[in-house]
mmCIF file of all heavy atoms, coordinates in Angstrom:
data_MODEL
# 
_entry.id   MODEL 
# 
loop_
_atom_site.group_PDB 
_atom_site.id 
_atom_site.type_symbol 
_atom_site.label_atom_id 
_atom_site.label_alt_id 
_atom_site.label_comp_id 
_atom_site.label_asym_id 
_atom_site.label_entity_id 
_atom_site.label_seq_id 
_atom_site.pdbx_PDB_ins_code 
_atom_site.Cartn_x 
_atom_site.Cartn_y 
_atom_site.Cartn_z 
_atom_site.occupancy 
_atom_site.B_iso_or_equiv 
_atom_site.pdbx_formal_charge 
_atom_site.auth_seq_id 
_atom_site.auth_comp_id 
_atom_site.auth_asym_id 
_atom_site.auth_atom_id 
_atom_site.pdbx_PDB_model_num 
ATOM 1   N N   . THR A 1 1  ? 0.809  -1.182 0.020   1.00 0.00 ? 1  THR A N   1 
ATOM 2   C CA  . THR A 1 1  ? -0.017 -0.006 -0.054  1.00 0.00 ? 1  THR A CA  1 
ATOM 3   C C   . THR A 1 1  ? 0.861  1.244  0.021   1.00 0.00 ? 1  THR A C   1 
ATOM 4   O O   . THR A 1 1  ? 0.569  2.185  -0.706  1.00 0.00 ? 1  THR A O   1 
ATOM 5   C CB  . THR A 1 1  ? -0.916 -0.051 1.305   1.00 0.00 ? 1  THR A CB  1 
ATOM 6   O OG1 . THR A 1 1  ? -1.698 -1.195 1.192   1.00 0.00 ? 1  THR A OG1 1 
ATOM 7   C CG2 . THR A 1 1  ? -1.816 1.158  1.274   1.00 0.00 ? 1  THR A CG2 1 
ATOM 8   N N   . GLN A 1 2  ? 1.957  1.237  0.762   1.00 0.00 ? 2  GLN A N   1 
ATOM 9   C CA  . GLN A 1 2  ? 2.837  2.444  0.845   1.00 0.00 ? 2  GLN A CA  1 
ATOM 10  C C   . GLN A 1 2  ? 3.533  2.663  -0.504  1.00 0.00 ? 2  GLN A C   1 
ATOM 11  O O   . GLN A 1 2  ? 3.633  3.799  -0.906  1.00 0.00 ? 2  GLN A O   1 
ATOM 12  C CB  . GLN A 1 2  ? 3.857  2.186  1.970   1.00 0.00 ? 2  GLN A CB  1 
ATOM 13  C CG  . GLN A 1 2  ? 4.615  3.494  2.225   1.00 0.00 ? 2  GLN A CG  1 
ATOM 14  C CD  . GLN A 1 2  ? 3.687  4.708  2.502   1.00 0.00 ? 2  GLN A CD  1 
ATOM 15  O OE1 . GLN A 1 2  ? 2.744  4.613  3.263   1.00 0.00 ? 2  GLN A OE1 1 
ATOM 16  N NE2 . GLN A 1 2  ? 3.869  5.797  1.732   1.00 0.00 ? 2  GLN A NE2 1 
ATOM 17  N N   . ASP A 1 3  ? 3.972  1.566  -1.262  1.00 0.00 ? 3  ASP A N   1 
ATOM 18  C CA  . ASP A 1 3  ? 4.553  1.786  -2.538  1.00 0.00 ? 3  ASP A CA  1 
ATOM 19  C C   . ASP A 1 3  ? 3.541  2.473  -3.444  1.00 0.00 ? 3  ASP A C   1 
ATOM 20  O O   . ASP A 1 3  ? 3.912  3.324  -4.209  1.00 0.00 ? 3  ASP A O   1 
ATOM 21  C CB  . ASP A 1 3  ? 5.022  0.430  -3.120  1.00 0.00 ? 3  ASP A CB  1 
ATOM 22  C CG  . ASP A 1 3  ? 6.223  -0.141 -2.399  1.00 0.00 ? 3  ASP A CG  1 
ATOM 23  O OD1 . ASP A 1 3  ? 6.861  0.614  -1.629  1.00 0.00 ? 3  ASP A OD1 1 
ATOM 24  O OD2 . ASP A 1 3  ? 6.472  -1.379 -2.550  1.00 0.00 ? 3  ASP A OD2 1 
ATOM 25  N N   . HIS A 1 4  ? 2.311  2.051  -3.429  1.00 0.00 ? 4  HIS A N   1 
ATOM 26  C CA  . HIS A 1 4  ? 1.296  2.621  -4.188  1.00 0.00 ? 4  HIS A CA  1 
ATOM 27  C C   . HIS A 1 4  ? 1.101  4.107  -3.901  1.00 0.00 ? 4  HIS A C   1 
ATOM 28  O O   . HIS A 1 4  ? 1.041  4.953  -4.743  1.00 0.00 ? 4  HIS A O   1 
ATOM 29  C CB  . HIS A 1 4  ? -0.047 1.893  -4.069  1.00 0.00 ? 4  HIS A CB  1 
ATOM 30  C CG  . HIS A 1 4  ? -1.242 2.445  -4.781  1.00 0.00 ? 4  HIS A CG  1 
ATOM 31  N ND1 . HIS A 1 4  ? -1.279 2.456  -6.186  1.00 0.00 ? 4  HIS A ND1 1 
ATOM 32  C CD2 . HIS A 1 4  ? -2.336 3.084  -4.293  1.00 0.00 ? 4  HIS A CD2 1 
ATOM 33  C CE1 . HIS A 1 4  ? -2.424 3.125  -6.533  1.00 0.00 ? 4  HIS A CE1 1 
ATOM 34  N NE2 . HIS A 1 4  ? -3.031 3.525  -5.390  1.00 0.00 ? 4  HIS A NE2 1 
ATOM 35  N N   . ALA A 1 5  ? 1.018  4.406  -2.636  1.00 0.00 ? 5  ALA A N   1 
ATOM 36  C CA  . ALA A 1 5  ? 0.804  5.827  -2.189  1.00 0.00 ? 5  ALA A CA  1 
ATOM 37  C C   . ALA A 1 5  ? 1.987  6.685  -2.607  1.00 0.00 ? 5  ALA A C   1 
ATOM 38  O O   . ALA A 1 5  ? 1.797  7.797  -3.033  1.00 0.00 ? 5  ALA A O   1 
ATOM 39  C CB  . ALA A 1 5  ? 0.628  5.880  -0.671  1.00 0.00 ? 5  ALA A CB  1 
ATOM 40  N N   . ASP A 1 6  ? 3.179  6.100  -2.441  1.00 0.00 ? 6  ASP A N   1 
ATOM 41  C CA  . ASP A 1 6  ? 4.446  6.875  -2.843  1.00 0.00 ? 6  ASP A CA  1 
ATOM 42  C C   . ASP A 1 6  ? 4.379  7.147  -4.379  1.00 0.00 ? 6  ASP A C   1 
ATOM 43  O O   . ASP A 1 6  ? 4.757  8.209  -4.871  1.00 0.00 ? 6  ASP A O   1 
ATOM 44  C CB  . ASP A 1 6  ? 5.706  6.147  -2.534  1.00 0.00 ? 6  ASP A CB  1 
ATOM 45  C CG  . ASP A 1 6  ? 5.899  6.100  -1.039  1.00 0.00 ? 6  ASP A CG  1 
ATOM 46  O OD1 . ASP A 1 6  ? 5.241  6.923  -0.308  1.00 0.00 ? 6  ASP A OD1 1 
ATOM 47  O OD2 . ASP A 1 6  ? 6.806  5.312  -0.552  1.00 0.00 ? 6  ASP A OD2 1 
ATOM 48  N N   . GLU A 1 7  ? 3.954  6.225  -5.171  1.00 0.00 ? 7  GLU A N   1 
ATOM 49  C CA  . GLU A 1 7  ? 3.827  6.304  -6.632  1.00 0.00 ? 7  GLU A CA  1 
ATOM 50  C C   . GLU A 1 7  ? 2.874  7.399  -7.017  1.00 0.00 ? 7  GLU A C   1 
ATOM 51  O O   . GLU A 1 7  ? 3.063  8.219  -7.859  1.00 0.00 ? 7  GLU A O   1 
ATOM 52  C CB  . GLU A 1 7  ? 3.606  4.965  -7.316  1.00 0.00 ? 7  GLU A CB  1 
ATOM 53  C CG  . GLU A 1 7  ? 3.514  5.076  -8.811  1.00 0.00 ? 7  GLU A CG  1 
ATOM 54  C CD  . GLU A 1 7  ? 4.783  5.499  -9.468  1.00 0.00 ? 7  GLU A CD  1 
ATOM 55  O OE1 . GLU A 1 7  ? 5.886  5.443  -8.866  1.00 0.00 ? 7  GLU A OE1 1 
ATOM 56  O OE2 . GLU A 1 7  ? 4.693  5.980  -10.671 1.00 0.00 ? 7  GLU A OE2 1 
ATOM 57  N N   . VAL A 1 8  ? 1.693  7.353  -6.353  1.00 0.00 ? 8  VAL A N   1 
ATOM 58  C CA  . VAL A 1 8  ? 0.762  8.362  -6.638  1.00 0.00 ? 8  VAL A CA  1 
ATOM 59  C C   . VAL A 1 8  ? 1.202  9.707  -6.343  1.00 0.00 ? 8  VAL A C   1 
ATOM 60  O O   . VAL A 1 8  ? 1.107  10.711 -7.087  1.00 0.00 ? 8  VAL A O   1 
ATOM 61  C CB  . VAL A 1 8  ? -0.607 8.149  -5.769  1.00 0.00 ? 8  VAL A CB  1 
ATOM 62  C CG1 . VAL A 1 8  ? -1.565 9.273  -5.869  1.00 0.00 ? 8  VAL A CG1 1 
ATOM 63  C CG2 . VAL A 1 8  ? -1.285 6.819  -6.319  1.00 0.00 ? 8  VAL A CG2 1 
ATOM 64  N N   . ALA A 1 9  ? 1.865  9.895  -5.191  1.00 0.00 ? 9  ALA A N   1 
ATOM 65  C CA  . ALA A 1 9  ? 2.455  11.217 -4.773  1.00 0.00 ? 9  ALA A CA  1 
ATOM 66  C C   . ALA A 1 9  ? 3.492  11.620 -5.836  1.00 0.00 ? 9  ALA A C   1 
ATOM 67  O O   . ALA A 1 9  ? 3.522  12.892 -6.269  1.00 0.00 ? 9  ALA A O   1 
ATOM 68  C CB  . ALA A 1 9  ? 3.082  11.228 -3.441  1.00 0.00 ? 9  ALA A CB  1 
ATOM 69  N N   . ARG A 1 10 ? 4.401  10.790 -6.235  1.00 0.00 ? 10 ARG A N   1 
ATOM 70  C CA  . ARG A 1 10 ? 5.402  11.098 -7.221  1.00 0.00 ? 10 ARG A CA  1 
ATOM 71  C C   . ARG A 1 10 ? 4.759  11.566 -8.561  1.00 0.00 ? 10 ARG A C   1 
ATOM 72  O O   . ARG A 1 10 ? 5.141  12.511 -9.150  1.00 0.00 ? 10 ARG A O   1 
ATOM 73  C CB  . ARG A 1 10 ? 6.321  9.897  -7.449  1.00 0.00 ? 10 ARG A CB  1 
ATOM 74  C CG  . ARG A 1 10 ? 7.580  10.247 -8.321  1.00 0.00 ? 10 ARG A CG  1 
ATOM 75  C CD  . ARG A 1 10 ? 8.323  9.026  -8.626  1.00 0.00 ? 10 ARG A CD  1 
ATOM 76  N NE  . ARG A 1 10 ? 7.628  8.070  -9.503  1.00 0.00 ? 10 ARG A NE  1 
ATOM 77  C CZ  . ARG A 1 10 ? 7.344  8.279  -10.788 1.00 0.00 ? 10 ARG A CZ  1 
ATOM 78  N NH1 . ARG A 1 10 ? 7.810  9.414  -11.401 1.00 0.00 ? 10 ARG A NH1 1 
ATOM 79  N NH2 . ARG A 1 10 ? 6.789  7.432  -11.585 1.00 0.00 ? 10 ARG A NH2 1 
ATOM 80  N N   . GLN A 1 11 ? 3.726  10.778 -9.027  1.00 0.00 ? 11 GLN A N   1 
ATOM 81  C CA  . GLN A 1 11 ? 3.127  11.148 -10.285 1.00 0.00 ? 11 GLN A CA  1 
ATOM 82  C C   . GLN A 1 11 ? 2.428  12.505 -10.226 1.00 0.00 ? 11 GLN A C   1 
ATOM 83  O O   . GLN A 1 11 ? 2.450  13.299 -11.150 1.00 0.00 ? 11 GLN A O   1 
ATOM 84  C CB  . GLN A 1 11 ? 2.032  10.065 -10.608 1.00 0.00 ? 11 GLN A CB  1 
ATOM 85  C CG  . GLN A 1 11 ? 2.662  8.764  -11.101 1.00 0.00 ? 11 GLN A CG  1 
ATOM 86  C CD  . GLN A 1 11 ? 1.628  7.665  -11.343 1.00 0.00 ? 11 GLN A CD  1 
ATOM 87  O OE1 . GLN A 1 11 ? 0.375  7.823  -11.050 1.00 0.00 ? 11 GLN A OE1 1 
ATOM 88  N NE2 . GLN A 1 11 ? 2.088  6.512  -11.742 1.00 0.00 ? 11 GLN A NE2 1 
ATOM 89  N N   . LEU A 1 12 ? 1.754  12.812 -9.085  1.00 0.00 ? 12 LEU A N   1 
ATOM 90  C CA  . LEU A 1 12 ? 1.029  14.112 -8.911  1.00 0.00 ? 12 LEU A CA  1 
ATOM 91  C C   . LEU A 1 12 ? 2.179  15.259 -8.960  1.00 0.00 ? 12 LEU A C   1 
ATOM 92  O O   . LEU A 1 12 ? 1.891  16.272 -9.598  1.00 0.00 ? 12 LEU A O   1 
ATOM 93  C CB  . LEU A 1 12 ? 0.280  14.170 -7.618  1.00 0.00 ? 12 LEU A CB  1 
ATOM 94  C CG  . LEU A 1 12 ? -1.014 13.299 -7.647  1.00 0.00 ? 12 LEU A CG  1 
ATOM 95  C CD1 . LEU A 1 12 ? -1.574 13.283 -6.235  1.00 0.00 ? 12 LEU A CD1 1 
ATOM 96  C CD2 . LEU A 1 12 ? -2.027 13.894 -8.627  1.00 0.00 ? 12 LEU A CD2 1 
ATOM 97  N N   . LEU A 1 13 ? 3.213  15.024 -8.274  1.00 0.00 ? 13 LEU A N   1 
ATOM 98  C CA  . LEU A 1 13 ? 4.291  16.082 -8.256  1.00 0.00 ? 13 LEU A CA  1 
ATOM 99  C C   . LEU A 1 13 ? 4.922  16.286 -9.645  1.00 0.00 ? 13 LEU A C   1 
ATOM 100 O O   . LEU A 1 13 ? 5.199  17.442 -10.013 1.00 0.00 ? 13 LEU A O   1 
ATOM 101 C CB  . LEU A 1 13 ? 5.331  15.780 -7.257  1.00 0.00 ? 13 LEU A CB  1 
ATOM 102 C CG  . LEU A 1 13 ? 5.105  16.093 -5.782  1.00 0.00 ? 13 LEU A CG  1 
ATOM 103 C CD1 . LEU A 1 13 ? 6.192  15.661 -4.845  1.00 0.00 ? 13 LEU A CD1 1 
ATOM 104 C CD2 . LEU A 1 13 ? 4.849  17.581 -5.613  1.00 0.00 ? 13 LEU A CD2 1 
ATOM 105 N N   . VAL A 1 14 ? 5.185  15.199 -10.346 1.00 0.00 ? 14 VAL A N   1 
ATOM 106 C CA  . VAL A 1 14 ? 5.744  15.294 -11.667 1.00 0.00 ? 14 VAL A CA  1 
ATOM 107 C C   . VAL A 1 14 ? 4.823  15.983 -12.629 1.00 0.00 ? 14 VAL A C   1 
ATOM 108 O O   . VAL A 1 14 ? 5.174  16.931 -13.403 1.00 0.00 ? 14 VAL A O   1 
ATOM 109 C CB  . VAL A 1 14 ? 6.156  13.929 -12.244 1.00 0.00 ? 14 VAL A CB  1 
ATOM 110 C CG1 . VAL A 1 14 ? 6.487  13.950 -13.739 1.00 0.00 ? 14 VAL A CG1 1 
ATOM 111 C CG2 . VAL A 1 14 ? 7.363  13.323 -11.450 1.00 0.00 ? 14 VAL A CG2 1 
ATOM 112 N N   . ALA A 1 15 ? 3.552  15.610 -12.514 1.00 0.00 ? 15 ALA A N   1 
ATOM 113 C CA  . ALA A 1 15 ? 2.570  16.276 -13.449 1.00 0.00 ? 15 ALA A CA  1 
ATOM 114 C C   . ALA A 1 15 ? 2.448  17.784 -13.184 1.00 0.00 ? 15 ALA A C   1 
ATOM 115 O O   . ALA A 1 15 ? 2.414  18.611 -14.082 1.00 0.00 ? 15 ALA A O   1 
ATOM 116 C CB  . ALA A 1 15 ? 1.132  15.620 -13.262 1.00 0.00 ? 15 ALA A CB  1 
ATOM 117 N N   . ARG A 1 16 ? 2.468  18.163 -11.792 1.00 0.00 ? 16 ARG A N   1 
ATOM 118 C CA  . ARG A 1 16 ? 2.353  19.588 -11.501 1.00 0.00 ? 16 ARG A CA  1 
ATOM 119 C C   . ARG A 1 16 ? 3.678  20.291 -11.931 1.00 0.00 ? 16 ARG A C   1 
ATOM 120 O O   . ARG A 1 16 ? 3.619  21.347 -12.396 1.00 0.00 ? 16 ARG A O   1 
ATOM 121 C CB  . ARG A 1 16 ? 2.268  19.658 -9.911  1.00 0.00 ? 16 ARG A CB  1 
ATOM 122 C CG  . ARG A 1 16 ? 1.975  21.142 -9.587  1.00 0.00 ? 16 ARG A CG  1 
ATOM 123 C CD  . ARG A 1 16 ? 1.563  21.178 -8.022  1.00 0.00 ? 16 ARG A CD  1 
ATOM 124 N NE  . ARG A 1 16 ? 1.053  22.462 -7.752  1.00 0.00 ? 16 ARG A NE  1 
ATOM 125 C CZ  . ARG A 1 16 ? 1.844  23.535 -7.608  1.00 0.00 ? 16 ARG A CZ  1 
ATOM 126 N NH1 . ARG A 1 16 ? 3.110  23.524 -7.753  1.00 0.00 ? 16 ARG A NH1 1 
ATOM 127 N NH2 . ARG A 1 16 ? 1.262  24.712 -7.355  1.00 0.00 ? 16 ARG A NH2 1 
ATOM 128 N N   . ALA A 1 17 ? 4.799  19.648 -11.780 1.00 0.00 ? 17 ALA A N   1 
ATOM 129 C CA  . ALA A 1 17 ? 6.036  20.276 -12.212 1.00 0.00 ? 17 ALA A CA  1 
ATOM 130 C C   . ALA A 1 17 ? 6.107  20.459 -13.722 1.00 0.00 ? 17 ALA A C   1 
ATOM 131 O O   . ALA A 1 17 ? 6.531  21.522 -14.200 1.00 0.00 ? 17 ALA A O   1 
ATOM 132 C CB  . ALA A 1 17 ? 7.174  19.402 -11.734 1.00 0.00 ? 17 ALA A CB  1 
ATOM 133 N N   . ILE A 1 18 ? 5.654  19.445 -14.458 1.00 0.00 ? 18 ILE A N   1 
ATOM 134 C CA  . ILE A 1 18 ? 5.640  19.596 -15.897 1.00 0.00 ? 18 ILE A CA  1 
ATOM 135 C C   . ILE A 1 18 ? 4.650  20.777 -16.372 1.00 0.00 ? 18 ILE A C   1 
ATOM 136 O O   . ILE A 1 18 ? 4.959  21.497 -17.254 1.00 0.00 ? 18 ILE A O   1 
ATOM 137 C CB  . ILE A 1 18 ? 5.205  18.249 -16.618 1.00 0.00 ? 18 ILE A CB  1 
ATOM 138 C CG1 . ILE A 1 18 ? 6.395  17.267 -16.476 1.00 0.00 ? 18 ILE A CG1 1 
ATOM 139 C CG2 . ILE A 1 18 ? 4.857  18.473 -18.079 1.00 0.00 ? 18 ILE A CG2 1 
ATOM 140 C CD1 . ILE A 1 18 ? 6.082  15.837 -16.913 1.00 0.00 ? 18 ILE A CD1 1 
ATOM 141 N N   . GLU A 1 19 ? 3.505  20.831 -15.702 1.00 0.00 ? 19 GLU A N   1 
ATOM 142 C CA  . GLU A 1 19 ? 2.607  21.966 -15.980 1.00 0.00 ? 19 GLU A CA  1 
ATOM 143 C C   . GLU A 1 19 ? 3.227  23.327 -15.820 1.00 0.00 ? 19 GLU A C   1 
ATOM 144 O O   . GLU A 1 19 ? 2.831  24.327 -16.396 1.00 0.00 ? 19 GLU A O   1 
ATOM 145 C CB  . GLU A 1 19 ? 1.302  21.864 -15.178 1.00 0.00 ? 19 GLU A CB  1 
ATOM 146 C CG  . GLU A 1 19 ? 0.403  20.747 -15.548 1.00 0.00 ? 19 GLU A CG  1 
ATOM 147 C CD  . GLU A 1 19 ? -0.717 20.542 -14.560 1.00 0.00 ? 19 GLU A CD  1 
ATOM 148 O OE1 . GLU A 1 19 ? -0.984 21.359 -13.699 1.00 0.00 ? 19 GLU A OE1 1 
ATOM 149 O OE2 . GLU A 1 19 ? -1.354 19.486 -14.678 1.00 0.00 ? 19 GLU A OE2 1 
ATOM 150 N N   . SER A 1 20 ? 4.182  23.426 -14.891 1.00 0.00 ? 20 SER A N   1 
ATOM 151 C CA  . SER A 1 20 ? 4.846  24.674 -14.529 1.00 0.00 ? 20 SER A CA  1 
ATOM 152 C C   . SER A 1 20 ? 5.883  25.148 -15.624 1.00 0.00 ? 20 SER A C   1 
ATOM 153 O O   . SER A 1 20 ? 6.335  26.291 -15.561 1.00 0.00 ? 20 SER A O   1 
ATOM 154 C CB  . SER A 1 20 ? 5.540  24.685 -13.211 1.00 0.00 ? 20 SER A CB  1 
ATOM 155 O OG  . SER A 1 20 ? 6.763  23.876 -13.221 1.00 0.00 ? 20 SER A OG  1 
ATOM 156 N N   . LEU A 1 21 ? 6.236  24.246 -16.524 1.00 0.00 ? 21 LEU A N   1 
ATOM 157 C CA  . LEU A 1 21 ? 7.230  24.540 -17.570 1.00 0.00 ? 21 LEU A CA  1 
ATOM 158 C C   . LEU A 1 21 ? 6.692  25.470 -18.621 1.00 0.00 ? 21 LEU A C   1 
ATOM 159 O O   . LEU A 1 21 ? 5.366  25.391 -18.833 1.00 0.00 ? 21 LEU A O   1 
ATOM 160 C CB  . LEU A 1 21 ? 7.725  23.308 -18.272 1.00 0.00 ? 21 LEU A CB  1 
ATOM 161 C CG  . LEU A 1 21 ? 8.461  22.274 -17.431 1.00 0.00 ? 21 LEU A CG  1 
ATOM 162 C CD1 . LEU A 1 21 ? 8.689  20.995 -18.213 1.00 0.00 ? 21 LEU A CD1 1 
ATOM 163 C CD2 . LEU A 1 21 ? 9.799  22.839 -16.971 1.00 0.00 ? 21 LEU A CD2 1 
ATOM 164 N N   . PRO A 1 22 ? 7.476  26.260 -19.213 1.00 0.00 ? 22 PRO A N   1 
ATOM 165 C CA  . PRO A 1 22 ? 7.026  27.123 -20.360 1.00 0.00 ? 22 PRO A CA  1 
ATOM 166 C C   . PRO A 1 22 ? 6.502  26.167 -21.516 1.00 0.00 ? 22 PRO A C   1 
ATOM 167 O O   . PRO A 1 22 ? 6.871  25.014 -21.565 1.00 0.00 ? 22 PRO A O   1 
ATOM 168 C CB  . PRO A 1 22 ? 8.198  27.859 -20.838 1.00 0.00 ? 22 PRO A CB  1 
ATOM 169 C CG  . PRO A 1 22 ? 9.167  27.887 -19.707 1.00 0.00 ? 22 PRO A CG  1 
ATOM 170 C CD  . PRO A 1 22 ? 8.850  26.576 -18.938 1.00 0.00 ? 22 PRO A CD  1 
ATOM 171 N N   . GLU A 1 23 ? 5.539  26.689 -22.378 1.00 0.00 ? 23 GLU A N   1 
ATOM 172 C CA  . GLU A 1 23 ? 4.916  25.862 -23.321 1.00 0.00 ? 23 GLU A CA  1 
ATOM 173 C C   . GLU A 1 23 ? 5.802  25.009 -24.245 1.00 0.00 ? 23 GLU A C   1 
ATOM 174 O O   . GLU A 1 23 ? 5.701  23.844 -24.370 1.00 0.00 ? 23 GLU A O   1 
ATOM 175 C CB  . GLU A 1 23 ? 4.031  26.693 -24.187 1.00 0.00 ? 23 GLU A CB  1 
ATOM 176 C CG  . GLU A 1 23 ? 3.172  25.883 -25.163 1.00 0.00 ? 23 GLU A CG  1 
ATOM 177 C CD  . GLU A 1 23 ? 2.210  26.756 -25.970 1.00 0.00 ? 23 GLU A CD  1 
ATOM 178 O OE1 . GLU A 1 23 ? 2.018  27.928 -25.578 1.00 0.00 ? 23 GLU A OE1 1 
ATOM 179 O OE2 . GLU A 1 23 ? 1.775  26.286 -27.071 1.00 0.00 ? 23 GLU A OE2 1 
ATOM 180 N N   . ARG A 1 24 ? 6.909  25.703 -24.799 1.00 0.00 ? 24 ARG A N   1 
ATOM 181 C CA  . ARG A 1 24 ? 7.776  24.966 -25.634 1.00 0.00 ? 24 ARG A CA  1 
ATOM 182 C C   . ARG A 1 24 ? 8.572  23.823 -24.901 1.00 0.00 ? 24 ARG A C   1 
ATOM 183 O O   . ARG A 1 24 ? 8.649  22.723 -25.360 1.00 0.00 ? 24 ARG A O   1 
ATOM 184 C CB  . ARG A 1 24 ? 8.753  25.881 -26.368 1.00 0.00 ? 24 ARG A CB  1 
ATOM 185 C CG  . ARG A 1 24 ? 9.616  25.092 -27.414 1.00 0.00 ? 24 ARG A CG  1 
ATOM 186 C CD  . ARG A 1 24 ? 10.670 26.022 -28.111 1.00 0.00 ? 24 ARG A CD  1 
ATOM 187 N NE  . ARG A 1 24 ? 11.699 26.348 -27.120 1.00 0.00 ? 24 ARG A NE  1 
ATOM 188 C CZ  . ARG A 1 24 ? 12.460 27.401 -27.185 1.00 0.00 ? 24 ARG A CZ  1 
ATOM 189 N NH1 . ARG A 1 24 ? 12.426 28.294 -28.172 1.00 0.00 ? 24 ARG A NH1 1 
ATOM 190 N NH2 . ARG A 1 24 ? 13.436 27.570 -26.322 1.00 0.00 ? 24 ARG A NH2 1 
ATOM 191 N N   . ALA A 1 25 ? 9.057  24.158 -23.665 1.00 0.00 ? 25 ALA A N   1 
ATOM 192 C CA  . ALA A 1 25 ? 9.813  23.249 -22.878 1.00 0.00 ? 25 ALA A CA  1 
ATOM 193 C C   . ALA A 1 25 ? 8.884  22.047 -22.453 1.00 0.00 ? 25 ALA A C   1 
ATOM 194 O O   . ALA A 1 25 ? 9.355  20.910 -22.480 1.00 0.00 ? 25 ALA A O   1 
ATOM 195 C CB  . ALA A 1 25 ? 10.422 23.880 -21.631 1.00 0.00 ? 25 ALA A CB  1 
ATOM 196 N N   . ARG A 1 26 ? 7.703  22.310 -22.109 1.00 0.00 ? 26 ARG A N   1 
ATOM 197 C CA  . ARG A 1 26 ? 6.691  21.336 -21.825 1.00 0.00 ? 26 ARG A CA  1 
ATOM 198 C C   . ARG A 1 26 ? 6.522  20.378 -23.023 1.00 0.00 ? 26 ARG A C   1 
ATOM 199 O O   . ARG A 1 26 ? 6.505  19.121 -22.866 1.00 0.00 ? 26 ARG A O   1 
ATOM 200 C CB  . ARG A 1 26 ? 5.404  21.929 -21.415 1.00 0.00 ? 26 ARG A CB  1 
ATOM 201 C CG  . ARG A 1 26 ? 4.318  20.904 -20.865 1.00 0.00 ? 26 ARG A CG  1 
ATOM 202 C CD  . ARG A 1 26 ? 3.105  21.490 -20.260 1.00 0.00 ? 26 ARG A CD  1 
ATOM 203 N NE  . ARG A 1 26 ? 2.549  22.567 -21.087 1.00 0.00 ? 26 ARG A NE  1 
ATOM 204 C CZ  . ARG A 1 26 ? 2.435  23.847 -20.696 1.00 0.00 ? 26 ARG A CZ  1 
ATOM 205 N NH1 . ARG A 1 26 ? 2.933  24.245 -19.552 1.00 0.00 ? 26 ARG A NH1 1 
ATOM 206 N NH2 . ARG A 1 26 ? 1.858  24.743 -21.520 1.00 0.00 ? 26 ARG A NH2 1 
ATOM 207 N N   . SER A 1 27 ? 6.315  20.879 -24.207 1.00 0.00 ? 27 SER A N   1 
ATOM 208 C CA  . SER A 1 27 ? 6.164  20.094 -25.398 1.00 0.00 ? 27 SER A CA  1 
ATOM 209 C C   . SER A 1 27 ? 7.356  19.204 -25.628 1.00 0.00 ? 27 SER A C   1 
ATOM 210 O O   . SER A 1 27 ? 7.268  18.014 -25.965 1.00 0.00 ? 27 SER A O   1 
ATOM 211 C CB  . SER A 1 27 ? 5.961  20.958 -26.642 1.00 0.00 ? 27 SER A CB  1 
ATOM 212 O OG  . SER A 1 27 ? 4.735  21.695 -26.506 1.00 0.00 ? 27 SER A OG  1 
# 
Protein backbone atom coordinates (compact mmCIF):
# COMPACT_ATOMS: atom_id res chain seq x y z
CA THR A 1 0.00 0.00 0.00
CA GLN A 2 2.83 2.40 0.84
CA ASP A 3 4.54 1.78 -2.51
CA HIS A 4 1.26 2.62 -4.24
CA ALA A 5 0.80 5.80 -2.19
CA ASP A 6 4.39 6.89 -2.88
CA GLU A 7 3.90 6.33 -6.61
CA VAL A 8 0.67 8.38 -6.62
CA ALA A 9 2.46 11.24 -4.81
CA ARG A 10 5.38 11.11 -7.23
CA GLN A 11 3.08 11.13 -10.27
CA LEU A 12 1.12 14.11 -8.94
CA LEU A 13 4.29 16.10 -8.25
CA VAL A 14 5.77 15.29 -11.66
CA ALA A 15 2.53 16.28 -13.43
CA ARG A 16 2.39 19.55 -11.48
CA ALA A 17 6.06 20.25 -12.21
CA ILE A 18 5.59 19.60 -15.94
CA GLU A 19 2.60 21.97 -15.99
CA SER A 20 4.85 24.70 -14.55
CA LEU A 21 7.22 24.57 -17.55
CA PRO A 22 6.99 27.12 -20.38
CA GLU A 23 4.93 25.84 -23.33
CA ARG A 24 7.82 24.92 -25.67
CA ALA A 25 9.81 23.22 -22.90
CA ARG A 26 6.69 21.30 -21.82
CA SER A 27 6.19 20.08 -25.41
